[in-house]
Amino acid sequence: MQNKLTKIKKDIRKIEEKISEYQSKLKSLEKEKTDLENLMMIDVLRRHKVNHNDLPTILQIFEEEKGSSVPLKINNMEEQQNENI
């Protein structure tokens, strides 16, 4: 009976250690994912030559148009800017 209890306690410790390792790995992967997403967003902004002055307007459009086709709005905005030049 004592041997069985000792074995169960040992198994519990092993599982707790694994859980801790997995939680640490998960946290690391989540940070890596966030970093990559941020880099992707920066890349998109640079490819479209968005400067820091235009960013608040673009973010406002995203907020107002959640769920709709935002790229069309951005293209329309670019066309309006080109017409003003």
Protein backbone atom coordinates (compact mmCIF):
# COMPACT_ATOMS: atom_id res chain seq x y z
CA MET A 1 0.00 0.00 0.00
CA GLN A 2 2.80 2.44 0.93
CA ASN A 3 4.66 1.60 -2.28
CA LYS A 4 1.59 2.44 -4.32
CA LEU A 5 1.19 5.80 -2.53
CA THR A 6 4.89 6.59 -3.08
CA LYS A 7 4.57 5.75 -6.77
CA ILE A 8 1.49 7.96 -7.14
CA LYS A 9 3.26 10.87 -5.43
CA LYS A 10 6.27 10.40 -7.71
CA ASP A 11 4.01 10.38 -10.77
CA ILE A 12 2.29 13.56 -9.57
CA ARG A 13 5.65 15.33 -9.22
CA LYS A 14 6.67 14.22 -12.73
CA ILE A 15 3.42 15.49 -14.21
CA GLU A 16 3.71 18.80 -12.33
CA GLU A 17 7.22 19.22 -13.73
CA LYS A 18 5.98 18.51 -17.26
CA ILE A 19 3.12 20.97 -16.83
CA SER A 20 5.60 23.62 -15.72
CA GLU A 21 7.83 22.90 -18.73
CA TYR A 22 4.86 23.08 -21.11
CA GLN A 23 3.63 26.33 -19.56
CA SER A 24 7.06 27.83 -20.02
CA LYS A 25 7.23 26.60 -23.61
CA LEU A 26 3.72 27.93 -24.30
CA LYS A 27 4.64 31.36 -22.94
CA SER A 28 7.76 31.41 -25.12
CA LEU A 29 5.81 30.39 -28.23
CA GLU A 30 3.11 32.99 -27.58
CA LYS A 31 5.77 35.71 -27.32
CA GLU A 32 7.44 34.49 -30.51
CA LYS A 33 4.05 34.50 -32.29
CA THR A 34 3.33 38.06 -31.13
CA ASP A 35 6.76 39.22 -32.24
CA LEU A 36 6.28 37.69 -35.69
CA GLU A 37 2.80 39.21 -36.03
CA ASN A 38 4.23 42.62 -35.13
CA LEU A 39 6.98 42.23 -37.72
CA MET A 40 4.38 41.26 -40.33
CA MET A 41 2.34 44.38 -39.56
CA ILE A 42 5.42 46.59 -39.79
CA ASP A 43 6.32 44.96 -43.10
CA VAL A 44 2.84 45.66 -44.52
CA LEU A 45 3.02 49.29 -43.42
CA ARG A 46 6.43 49.71 -45.00
CA ARG A 47 5.39 48.01 -48.26
CA HIS A 48 2.48 50.43 -48.53
CA LYS A 49 4.74 53.33 -47.58
CA VAL A 50 2.55 54.31 -44.64
CA ASN A 51 4.21 56.98 -42.55
CA HIS A 52 3.64 57.52 -38.87
CA ASN A 53 1.32 60.50 -39.54
CA ASP A 54 -1.10 58.31 -41.54
CA LEU A 55 -1.17 55.46 -39.04
CA PRO A 56 -3.82 56.92 -36.69
CA THR A 57 -6.18 57.44 -39.64
CA ILE A 58 -5.65 53.89 -40.85
CA LEU A 59 -6.23 52.50 -37.37
CA GLN A 60 -9.42 54.54 -37.09
CA ILE A 61 -10.62 53.05 -40.38
CA PHE A 62 -9.87 49.56 -39.07
CA GLU A 63 -11.87 50.30 -35.94
CA GLU A 64 -14.82 51.75 -37.84
CA GLU A 65 -14.87 49.05 -40.51
CA LYS A 66 -14.31 45.91 -38.42
CA GLY A 67 -15.42 42.94 -40.41
CA SER A 68 -15.51 44.72 -43.76
CA SER A 69 -12.95 44.96 -46.50
CA VAL A 70 -10.51 47.48 -45.07
CA PRO A 71 -7.99 47.28 -47.93
CA LEU A 72 -10.61 48.84 -50.23
CA LYS A 73 -10.95 51.76 -47.83
CA ILE A 74 -7.19 52.18 -47.72
CA ASN A 75 -6.99 52.11 -51.52
CA ASN A 76 -9.75 54.73 -51.72
CA MET A 77 -7.87 56.86 -49.22
CA GLU A 78 -4.70 56.56 -51.32
CA GLU A 79 -6.63 57.59 -54.44
CA GLN A 80 -8.04 60.64 -52.65
CA GLN A 81 -4.57 61.61 -51.52
CA ASN A 82 -3.25 61.24 -55.06
CA GLU A 83 -6.06 63.44 -56.36
CA ASN A 84 -5.18 66.12 -53.83
CA ILE A 85 -1.59 66.23 -55.05
